[in-house]
Every structure is written in structure tokens, then in C-alpha cells.
Amino acid sequence: MDVALGGTFDPVHDGHRRLFERAFELGDVTVGLTSDELAPKTRHVERRVRAFDERKAALEDELESITDNYDREFEIRRLDGPTGIATEPQFDYLVVSPETKDGGERINEIRRERGHDPLEVVVVPHLRADDGDIISSTRIVMGEIDEHGNVLEDAERETDRSE
């Protein structure tokens, strides 16, 4: 089976790792990595995103460490549009997070229009940080949490001062 998923993955965190692991459970994985042009358009909060080549190298390292547990292969491809690679006919599954589920439905509409079978959309729940909020790259970049969802001391002090 062939599995697609996509994102910016900057920085990679335990929530992403959960997506990757679920994808590798299903089959060989193709990751669409947002291009430098697309990445800012997918952000809910404006923030710096590392260059494509830097993100790709970090993602390759991450995926190689995960594939040690699976007999699977992976490929990373540049993602220039929001529906990206998943509209191509070879895929069987699309792994998404809860907030990108609607995009999966749109991808299946496009696939039907092109005469392709719809993908099975697999929604992977968010991982929660120690404070109960979701683990996200934006929260990591803002210095609130680390990649594992541990609340950072400076963030705790800021919260204590504001209360």
C-alpha cells in the first residue's frame, strides 16, 4: 500500500512522529514537504520557517530513524500546492491530523473528478503537551514547549507572572 501525507514539519515534534508512525504502519510513505513559497500560506500564525533544504534534511533523518522499526520505504517530495501529491493515482491512504481532515475530503473530490479511487483518510489525533494544549511547531518556535510537549521553564514563569 502507498501512503501520502504532507506538511511543513518545522520543527518535527512528537505529534508529527505519531503521524509518521501511523503512515509506516499502513505502507510505503511519500511525504509532501511544503515548498518555501507554500509554507507561509499554510501557517495560522506568522512565523519564521526554515528553508526547504534544511527542513528536508531534518525530515530525512527523522524518517530514517522511524523506518528502523518498519520494513517500509519513504520518499520526500516538494509540495507546491495544498492538495499536492495526494491527488496522484498511486496512493491508497492519506494520513492527516484533525485540522487537515477537510483537506483530505477535498483531495478525494479531485481524485473522483480525475477518475481515481478515493483515498482512505486516516485521522491521527493530536498529542497533548504537559499543559493539556496540543503539541505544535508554532508553540515550540514560540518557546512554550519542547518537541516532546514539555512546558519550558521560561513559559511557566511567564504564565505565573500573568496570573
N, C-alpha and C. Protein backbone atom coordinates (compact mmCIF):
# COMPACT_ATOMS: atom_id res chain seq x y z
N MET A 1 0.83 -1.18 0.00
CA MET A 1 0.00 0.00 0.00
C MET A 1 0.88 1.25 0.00
N ASP A 2 0.38 2.30 -0.63
CA ASP A 2 1.11 3.57 -0.71
C ASP A 2 0.36 4.63 0.08
N VAL A 3 1.12 5.34 0.90
CA VAL A 3 0.57 6.30 1.84
C VAL A 3 1.13 7.68 1.55
N ALA A 4 0.26 8.68 1.58
CA ALA A 4 0.69 10.07 1.41
C ALA A 4 0.39 10.85 2.67
N LEU A 5 1.26 11.79 2.96
CA LEU A 5 0.98 12.80 3.98
C LEU A 5 1.79 14.02 3.64
N GLY A 6 1.40 15.15 4.18
CA GLY A 6 2.11 16.38 3.85
C GLY A 6 2.15 17.34 5.00
N GLY A 7 3.09 18.28 4.90
CA GLY A 7 3.20 19.31 5.92
C GLY A 7 4.48 20.10 5.77
N THR A 8 4.67 21.00 6.73
CA THR A 8 5.86 21.85 6.76
C THR A 8 6.93 21.25 7.65
N PHE A 9 6.51 20.63 8.74
CA PHE A 9 7.40 19.88 9.63
C PHE A 9 8.61 20.71 10.08
N ASP A 10 8.31 21.86 10.68
CA ASP A 10 9.38 22.75 11.14
C ASP A 10 9.03 23.40 12.47
N PRO A 11 9.58 22.88 13.54
CA PRO A 11 10.39 21.68 13.67
C PRO A 11 9.52 20.43 13.84
N VAL A 12 10.15 19.28 13.62
CA VAL A 12 9.46 18.00 13.83
C VAL A 12 9.27 17.79 15.32
N HIS A 13 8.10 17.29 15.70
CA HIS A 13 7.79 17.04 17.11
C HIS A 13 7.07 15.70 17.27
N ASP A 14 6.76 15.35 18.50
CA ASP A 14 6.16 14.04 18.77
C ASP A 14 4.81 13.85 18.08
N GLY A 15 4.07 14.91 17.86
CA GLY A 15 2.81 14.80 17.11
C GLY A 15 3.07 14.38 15.67
N HIS A 16 4.10 14.96 15.05
CA HIS A 16 4.49 14.54 13.70
C HIS A 16 4.93 13.08 13.71
N ARG A 17 5.72 12.73 14.72
CA ARG A 17 6.20 11.35 14.81
C ARG A 17 5.04 10.36 14.87
N ARG A 18 3.98 10.74 15.55
CA ARG A 18 2.79 9.89 15.60
C ARG A 18 2.19 9.74 14.19
N LEU A 19 2.14 10.82 13.43
CA LEU A 19 1.64 10.75 12.05
C LEU A 19 2.52 9.82 11.21
N PHE A 20 3.84 9.99 11.33
CA PHE A 20 4.77 9.17 10.55
C PHE A 20 4.63 7.69 10.90
N GLU A 21 4.56 7.41 12.19
CA GLU A 21 4.45 6.00 12.61
C GLU A 21 3.17 5.37 12.08
N ARG A 22 2.07 6.10 12.15
CA ARG A 22 0.81 5.57 11.62
C ARG A 22 0.93 5.33 10.11
N ALA A 23 1.57 6.24 9.42
CA ALA A 23 1.75 6.09 7.97
C ALA A 23 2.57 4.84 7.66
N PHE A 24 3.66 4.63 8.38
CA PHE A 24 4.51 3.46 8.13
C PHE A 24 3.80 2.16 8.51
N GLU A 25 2.87 2.20 9.43
CA GLU A 25 2.07 1.01 9.74
C GLU A 25 1.24 0.59 8.53
N LEU A 26 0.85 1.56 7.71
CA LEU A 26 -0.04 1.31 6.59
C LEU A 26 0.68 0.91 5.31
N GLY A 27 1.91 1.40 5.11
CA GLY A 27 2.60 1.09 3.86
C GLY A 27 3.83 1.95 3.63
N ASP A 28 4.29 1.96 2.38
CA ASP A 28 5.39 2.82 1.99
C ASP A 28 4.88 4.26 1.96
N VAL A 29 5.71 5.20 2.36
CA VAL A 29 5.26 6.56 2.63
C VAL A 29 5.91 7.56 1.68
N THR A 30 5.08 8.45 1.15
CA THR A 30 5.56 9.61 0.42
C THR A 30 5.12 10.84 1.19
N VAL A 31 6.09 11.64 1.59
CA VAL A 31 5.81 12.86 2.34
C VAL A 31 5.92 14.04 1.40
N GLY A 32 4.85 14.81 1.30
CA GLY A 32 4.89 16.07 0.59
C GLY A 32 5.34 17.14 1.57
N LEU A 33 6.49 17.73 1.31
CA LEU A 33 7.05 18.77 2.18
C LEU A 33 6.81 20.12 1.52
N THR A 34 6.14 21.02 2.23
CA THR A 34 5.78 22.31 1.64
C THR A 34 7.01 23.06 1.13
N SER A 35 6.84 23.64 -0.04
CA SER A 35 7.90 24.45 -0.64
C SER A 35 8.07 25.73 0.18
N ASP A 36 9.15 26.44 -0.09
CA ASP A 36 9.37 27.72 0.59
C ASP A 36 8.23 28.70 0.29
N GLU A 37 7.65 28.61 -0.91
CA GLU A 37 6.56 29.51 -1.29
C GLU A 37 5.24 29.12 -0.61
N LEU A 38 4.99 27.82 -0.48
CA LEU A 38 3.73 27.36 0.10
C LEU A 38 3.72 27.42 1.63
N ALA A 39 4.85 27.17 2.26
CA ALA A 39 4.91 27.07 3.73
C ALA A 39 4.27 28.25 4.45
N PRO A 40 4.57 29.51 4.09
CA PRO A 40 3.95 30.62 4.83
C PRO A 40 2.43 30.68 4.66
N LYS A 41 1.93 30.19 3.54
CA LYS A 41 0.48 30.21 3.28
C LYS A 41 -0.27 29.19 4.12
N THR A 42 0.44 28.22 4.68
CA THR A 42 -0.21 27.18 5.48
C THR A 42 -0.15 27.49 6.97
N ARG A 43 0.46 28.57 7.36
CA ARG A 43 0.62 28.93 8.78
C ARG A 43 -0.61 29.68 9.27
N HIS A 44 -1.05 29.35 10.47
CA HIS A 44 -2.14 30.09 11.11
C HIS A 44 -1.58 31.31 11.83
N VAL A 45 -0.31 31.25 12.20
CA VAL A 45 0.39 32.32 12.87
C VAL A 45 1.63 32.62 12.04
N GLU A 46 1.88 33.88 11.78
CA GLU A 46 3.06 34.23 11.01
C GLU A 46 4.31 33.97 11.86
N ARG A 47 5.22 33.19 11.31
CA ARG A 47 6.47 32.89 12.00
C ARG A 47 7.49 32.43 10.97
N ARG A 48 8.75 32.45 11.39
CA ARG A 48 9.83 32.01 10.51
C ARG A 48 9.74 30.51 10.29
N VAL A 49 9.94 30.09 9.06
CA VAL A 49 10.02 28.68 8.70
C VAL A 49 11.36 28.49 8.01
N ARG A 50 12.10 27.46 8.42
CA ARG A 50 13.41 27.20 7.80
C ARG A 50 13.24 26.88 6.31
N ALA A 51 14.32 27.05 5.58
CA ALA A 51 14.32 26.79 4.14
C ALA A 51 14.02 25.33 3.85
N PHE A 52 13.47 25.07 2.68
CA PHE A 52 13.07 23.73 2.26
C PHE A 52 14.20 22.72 2.45
N ASP A 53 15.40 23.04 1.97
CA ASP A 53 16.51 22.09 2.05
C ASP A 53 16.86 21.72 3.49
N GLU A 54 16.79 22.69 4.39
CA GLU A 54 17.06 22.40 5.81
C GLU A 54 15.97 21.50 6.39
N ARG A 55 14.71 21.82 6.08
CA ARG A 55 13.60 21.01 6.59
C ARG A 55 13.65 19.60 6.00
N LYS A 56 14.01 19.49 4.73
CA LYS A 56 14.08 18.18 4.09
C LYS A 56 15.16 17.32 4.74
N ALA A 57 16.32 17.89 5.01
CA ALA A 57 17.41 17.13 5.63
C ALA A 57 17.00 16.64 7.02
N ALA A 58 16.37 17.51 7.80
CA ALA A 58 15.91 17.12 9.15
C ALA A 58 14.83 16.04 9.06
N LEU A 59 13.93 16.18 8.09
CA LEU A 59 12.86 15.20 7.92
C LEU A 59 13.42 13.84 7.48
N GLU A 60 14.40 13.84 6.59
CA GLU A 60 15.02 12.58 6.18
C GLU A 60 15.63 11.86 7.38
N ASP A 61 16.34 12.60 8.22
CA ASP A 61 16.92 12.00 9.43
C ASP A 61 15.84 11.40 10.31
N GLU A 62 14.76 12.13 10.48
CA GLU A 62 13.66 11.69 11.33
C GLU A 62 13.02 10.42 10.76
N LEU A 63 12.72 10.42 9.48
CA LEU A 63 12.06 9.26 8.86
C LEU A 63 12.97 8.04 8.85
N GLU A 64 14.27 8.25 8.63
CA GLU A 64 15.21 7.12 8.67
C GLU A 64 15.22 6.46 10.04
N SER A 65 15.12 7.26 11.09
CA SER A 65 15.12 6.68 12.44
C SER A 65 13.83 5.90 12.71
N ILE A 66 12.73 6.32 12.12
CA ILE A 66 11.45 5.62 12.32
C ILE A 66 11.37 4.35 11.47
N THR A 67 11.92 4.39 10.26
CA THR A 67 11.83 3.21 9.39
C THR A 67 12.62 2.03 9.92
N ASP A 68 13.49 2.27 10.89
CA ASP A 68 14.21 1.15 11.52
C ASP A 68 13.23 0.15 12.13
N ASN A 69 12.06 0.63 12.52
CA ASN A 69 11.05 -0.24 13.15
C ASN A 69 10.07 -0.86 12.15
N TYR A 70 10.16 -0.49 10.88
CA TYR A 70 9.22 -0.95 9.86
C TYR A 70 10.00 -1.41 8.63
N ASP A 71 9.44 -2.33 7.90
CA ASP A 71 10.06 -2.75 6.64
C ASP A 71 9.42 -1.96 5.51
N ARG A 72 9.64 -0.66 5.52
CA ARG A 72 9.00 0.25 4.57
C ARG A 72 10.02 1.18 3.95
N GLU A 73 9.60 1.79 2.86
CA GLU A 73 10.42 2.80 2.21
C GLU A 73 9.71 4.14 2.29
N PHE A 74 10.48 5.22 2.11
CA PHE A 74 9.87 6.55 2.08
C PHE A 74 10.53 7.41 1.02
N GLU A 75 9.78 8.42 0.63
CA GLU A 75 10.26 9.42 -0.32
C GLU A 75 9.74 10.76 0.16
N ILE A 76 10.55 11.79 -0.01
CA ILE A 76 10.13 13.15 0.31
C ILE A 76 10.06 13.93 -0.99
N ARG A 77 8.90 14.55 -1.23
CA ARG A 77 8.72 15.32 -2.45
C ARG A 77 8.28 16.74 -2.11
N ARG A 78 8.67 17.65 -2.94
CA ARG A 78 8.30 19.06 -2.77
C ARG A 78 6.80 19.22 -3.01
N LEU A 79 6.17 19.94 -2.11
CA LEU A 79 4.73 20.20 -2.18
C LEU A 79 4.53 21.66 -2.55
N ASP A 80 4.00 21.90 -3.76
CA ASP A 80 3.82 23.28 -4.24
C ASP A 80 2.39 23.78 -4.12
N GLY A 81 1.46 22.86 -3.87
CA GLY A 81 0.05 23.25 -3.75
C GLY A 81 -0.60 22.52 -2.60
N PRO A 82 -1.68 23.06 -2.06
CA PRO A 82 -2.29 22.49 -0.87
C PRO A 82 -2.82 21.07 -1.04
N THR A 83 -3.24 20.69 -2.25
CA THR A 83 -3.71 19.31 -2.42
C THR A 83 -2.60 18.39 -2.90
N GLY A 84 -1.54 18.97 -3.42
CA GLY A 84 -0.28 18.29 -3.68
C GLY A 84 -0.31 16.92 -4.29
N ILE A 85 0.55 16.07 -3.75
CA ILE A 85 0.81 14.75 -4.31
C ILE A 85 -0.34 13.78 -4.14
N ALA A 86 -1.19 13.99 -3.15
CA ALA A 86 -2.23 13.01 -2.81
C ALA A 86 -3.30 12.86 -3.89
N THR A 87 -3.33 13.76 -4.85
CA THR A 87 -4.28 13.62 -5.95
C THR A 87 -3.77 12.66 -7.03
N GLU A 88 -2.53 12.22 -6.90
CA GLU A 88 -1.96 11.27 -7.87
C GLU A 88 -2.55 9.88 -7.64
N PRO A 89 -2.69 9.09 -8.71
CA PRO A 89 -3.45 7.83 -8.62
C PRO A 89 -2.84 6.72 -7.78
N GLN A 90 -1.53 6.73 -7.52
CA GLN A 90 -0.89 5.57 -6.89
C GLN A 90 -1.18 5.41 -5.40
N PHE A 91 -1.71 6.41 -4.76
CA PHE A 91 -1.87 6.35 -3.31
C PHE A 91 -3.16 5.65 -2.89
N ASP A 92 -3.08 4.98 -1.73
CA ASP A 92 -4.23 4.28 -1.15
C ASP A 92 -4.74 4.97 0.11
N TYR A 93 -3.83 5.59 0.86
CA TYR A 93 -4.16 6.22 2.13
C TYR A 93 -3.62 7.64 2.17
N LEU A 94 -4.31 8.47 2.93
CA LEU A 94 -3.84 9.80 3.26
C LEU A 94 -3.90 9.93 4.77
N VAL A 95 -2.77 10.21 5.39
CA VAL A 95 -2.70 10.37 6.84
C VAL A 95 -2.73 11.86 7.14
N VAL A 96 -3.68 12.25 8.01
CA VAL A 96 -3.89 13.66 8.32
C VAL A 96 -4.05 13.86 9.83
N SER A 97 -3.92 15.11 10.24
CA SER A 97 -4.24 15.48 11.61
C SER A 97 -5.68 16.01 11.60
N PRO A 98 -6.30 16.18 12.76
CA PRO A 98 -7.70 16.61 12.79
C PRO A 98 -7.97 17.91 12.01
N GLU A 99 -7.05 18.88 12.07
CA GLU A 99 -7.33 20.14 11.39
C GLU A 99 -7.14 20.07 9.88
N THR A 100 -6.55 18.99 9.36
CA THR A 100 -6.38 18.88 7.91
C THR A 100 -7.32 17.83 7.30
N LYS A 101 -8.26 17.33 8.10
CA LYS A 101 -9.21 16.34 7.60
C LYS A 101 -10.03 16.88 6.42
N ASP A 102 -10.45 18.14 6.50
CA ASP A 102 -11.23 18.73 5.41
C ASP A 102 -10.43 18.75 4.11
N GLY A 103 -9.13 18.98 4.21
CA GLY A 103 -8.27 18.94 3.02
C GLY A 103 -8.27 17.56 2.39
N GLY A 104 -8.33 16.52 3.24
CA GLY A 104 -8.42 15.15 2.73
C GLY A 104 -9.69 14.92 1.94
N GLU A 105 -10.78 15.50 2.42
CA GLU A 105 -12.05 15.37 1.69
C GLU A 105 -11.98 16.08 0.35
N ARG A 106 -11.32 17.25 0.32
CA ARG A 106 -11.15 17.98 -0.94
C ARG A 106 -10.28 17.17 -1.92
N ILE A 107 -9.24 16.55 -1.39
CA ILE A 107 -8.37 15.71 -2.23
C ILE A 107 -9.18 14.58 -2.86
N ASN A 108 -10.05 13.96 -2.10
CA ASN A 108 -10.88 12.89 -2.66
C ASN A 108 -11.85 13.40 -3.71
N GLU A 109 -12.35 14.62 -3.58
CA GLU A 109 -13.19 15.21 -4.63
C GLU A 109 -12.39 15.33 -5.93
N ILE A 110 -11.17 15.83 -5.82
CA ILE A 110 -10.31 15.98 -7.00
C ILE A 110 -10.00 14.61 -7.61
N ARG A 111 -9.72 13.64 -6.77
CA ARG A 111 -9.42 12.29 -7.26
C ARG A 111 -10.62 11.73 -8.04
N ARG A 112 -11.81 11.91 -7.50
CA ARG A 112 -13.02 11.42 -8.19
C ARG A 112 -13.18 12.11 -9.55
N GLU A 113 -12.96 13.44 -9.57
CA GLU A 113 -13.05 14.19 -10.83
C GLU A 113 -12.06 13.66 -11.86
N ARG A 114 -10.93 13.17 -11.41
CA ARG A 114 -9.89 12.65 -12.31
C ARG A 114 -10.04 11.16 -12.61
N GLY A 115 -11.07 10.56 -12.04
CA GLY A 115 -11.32 9.14 -12.29
C GLY A 115 -10.52 8.19 -11.43
N HIS A 116 -9.94 8.69 -10.32
CA HIS A 116 -9.17 7.86 -9.40
C HIS A 116 -10.03 7.44 -8.23
N ASP A 117 -9.69 6.30 -7.64
CA ASP A 117 -10.38 5.86 -6.43
C ASP A 117 -10.09 6.83 -5.30
N PRO A 118 -11.05 7.03 -4.41
CA PRO A 118 -10.77 7.90 -3.25
C PRO A 118 -9.77 7.24 -2.31
N LEU A 119 -9.07 8.06 -1.58
CA LEU A 119 -8.13 7.58 -0.57
C LEU A 119 -8.87 7.27 0.71
N GLU A 120 -8.35 6.34 1.47
CA GLU A 120 -8.84 6.17 2.83
C GLU A 120 -8.12 7.23 3.66
N VAL A 121 -8.88 8.15 4.22
CA VAL A 121 -8.31 9.22 5.02
C VAL A 121 -8.21 8.74 6.47
N VAL A 122 -7.00 8.70 6.98
CA VAL A 122 -6.73 8.23 8.34
C VAL A 122 -6.39 9.45 9.19
N VAL A 123 -7.26 9.74 10.16
CA VAL A 123 -7.06 10.90 11.03
C VAL A 123 -6.33 10.45 12.29
N VAL A 124 -5.19 11.07 12.55
CA VAL A 124 -4.38 10.75 13.73
C VAL A 124 -4.63 11.86 14.75
N PRO A 125 -5.10 11.50 15.94
CA PRO A 125 -5.39 12.53 16.95
C PRO A 125 -4.14 13.30 17.36
N HIS A 126 -4.37 14.53 17.82
CA HIS A 126 -3.27 15.36 18.32
C HIS A 126 -2.67 14.74 19.57
N LEU A 127 -1.41 14.99 19.77
CA LEU A 127 -0.78 14.70 21.05
C LEU A 127 -0.87 15.96 21.89
N ARG A 128 -1.04 15.77 23.17
CA ARG A 128 -1.16 16.91 24.08
C ARG A 128 0.15 17.13 24.83
N ALA A 129 0.47 18.39 25.03
CA ALA A 129 1.62 18.77 25.84
C ALA A 129 1.25 18.62 27.31
N ASP A 130 2.23 18.78 28.17
CA ASP A 130 2.02 18.67 29.61
C ASP A 130 0.93 19.61 30.11
N ASP A 131 0.75 20.75 29.45
CA ASP A 131 -0.25 21.72 29.89
C ASP A 131 -1.64 21.45 29.32
N GLY A 132 -1.79 20.34 28.57
CA GLY A 132 -3.10 19.96 28.03
C GLY A 132 -3.40 20.51 26.65
N ASP A 133 -2.65 21.49 26.19
CA ASP A 133 -2.84 22.03 24.85
C ASP A 133 -2.09 21.14 23.86
N ILE A 134 -2.38 21.29 22.58
CA ILE A 134 -1.73 20.41 21.59
C ILE A 134 -0.26 20.76 21.43
N ILE A 135 0.50 19.75 21.04
CA ILE A 135 1.90 19.97 20.66
C ILE A 135 1.88 20.50 19.23
N SER A 136 2.53 21.63 19.01
CA SER A 136 2.59 22.19 17.66
C SER A 136 3.96 22.82 17.43
N SER A 137 4.34 22.89 16.17
CA SER A 137 5.62 23.52 15.82
C SER A 137 5.61 24.99 16.23
N THR A 138 4.48 25.66 16.08
CA THR A 138 4.41 27.07 16.45
C THR A 138 4.68 27.26 17.94
N ARG A 139 4.11 26.41 18.77
CA ARG A 139 4.35 26.52 20.21
C ARG A 139 5.82 26.27 20.54
N ILE A 140 6.45 25.38 19.80
CA ILE A 140 7.87 25.10 20.01
C ILE A 140 8.69 26.33 19.63
N VAL A 141 8.42 26.89 18.45
CA VAL A 141 9.15 28.07 17.97
C VAL A 141 8.94 29.25 18.92
N MET A 142 7.76 29.37 19.50
CA MET A 142 7.46 30.47 20.43
C MET A 142 8.09 30.25 21.81
N GLY A 143 8.70 29.07 22.02
CA GLY A 143 9.39 28.81 23.28
C GLY A 143 8.48 28.36 24.41
N GLU A 144 7.25 27.94 24.09
CA GLU A 144 6.31 27.48 25.12
C GLU A 144 6.60 26.05 25.57
N ILE A 145 6.95 25.19 24.59
CA ILE A 145 7.16 23.77 24.85
C ILE A 145 8.35 23.28 24.05
N ASP A 146 8.82 22.07 24.40
CA ASP A 146 9.84 21.44 23.57
C ASP A 146 9.16 20.45 22.62
N GLU A 147 9.93 19.74 21.83
CA GLU A 147 9.38 18.85 20.80
C GLU A 147 8.59 17.68 21.36
N HIS A 148 8.75 17.43 22.66
CA HIS A 148 8.03 16.33 23.31
C HIS A 148 6.81 16.80 24.09
N GLY A 149 6.56 18.11 24.10
CA GLY A 149 5.41 18.64 24.81
C GLY A 149 5.67 19.03 26.25
N ASN A 150 6.93 19.05 26.64
CA ASN A 150 7.28 19.51 27.98
C ASN A 150 7.20 21.03 28.01
N VAL A 151 6.49 21.57 28.98
CA VAL A 151 6.40 23.02 29.12
C VAL A 151 7.77 23.54 29.55
N LEU A 152 8.24 24.57 28.87
CA LEU A 152 9.55 25.13 29.18
C LEU A 152 9.46 26.06 30.38
N GLU A 153 10.50 26.09 31.16
CA GLU A 153 10.51 26.87 32.41
C GLU A 153 10.19 28.34 32.17
N ASP A 154 10.79 28.94 31.16
CA ASP A 154 10.52 30.36 30.89
C ASP A 154 9.04 30.58 30.61
N ALA A 155 8.42 29.66 29.89
CA ALA A 155 7.00 29.78 29.60
C ALA A 155 6.17 29.66 30.88
N GLU A 156 6.60 28.77 31.79
CA GLU A 156 5.89 28.62 33.08
C GLU A 156 6.00 29.91 33.89
N ARG A 157 7.18 30.52 33.91
CA ARG A 157 7.36 31.76 34.67
C ARG A 157 6.50 32.87 34.09
N GLU A 158 6.43 32.96 32.75
CA GLU A 158 5.59 33.98 32.12
C GLU A 158 4.13 33.79 32.50
N THR A 159 3.67 32.53 32.52
CA THR A 159 2.30 32.23 32.91
C THR A 159 2.05 32.62 34.36
N ASP A 160 2.99 32.32 35.23
CA ASP A 160 2.85 32.66 36.65
C ASP A 160 2.77 34.17 36.84
N ARG A 161 3.57 34.93 36.11
CA ARG A 161 3.56 36.39 36.24
C ARG A 161 2.28 37.01 35.73
N SER A 162 1.66 36.39 34.71
CA SER A 162 0.46 36.98 34.12
C SER A 162 -0.81 36.65 34.91
N GLU A 163 -0.71 35.73 35.86
CA GLU A 163 -1.91 35.34 36.62
C GLU A 163 -2.12 36.23 37.81
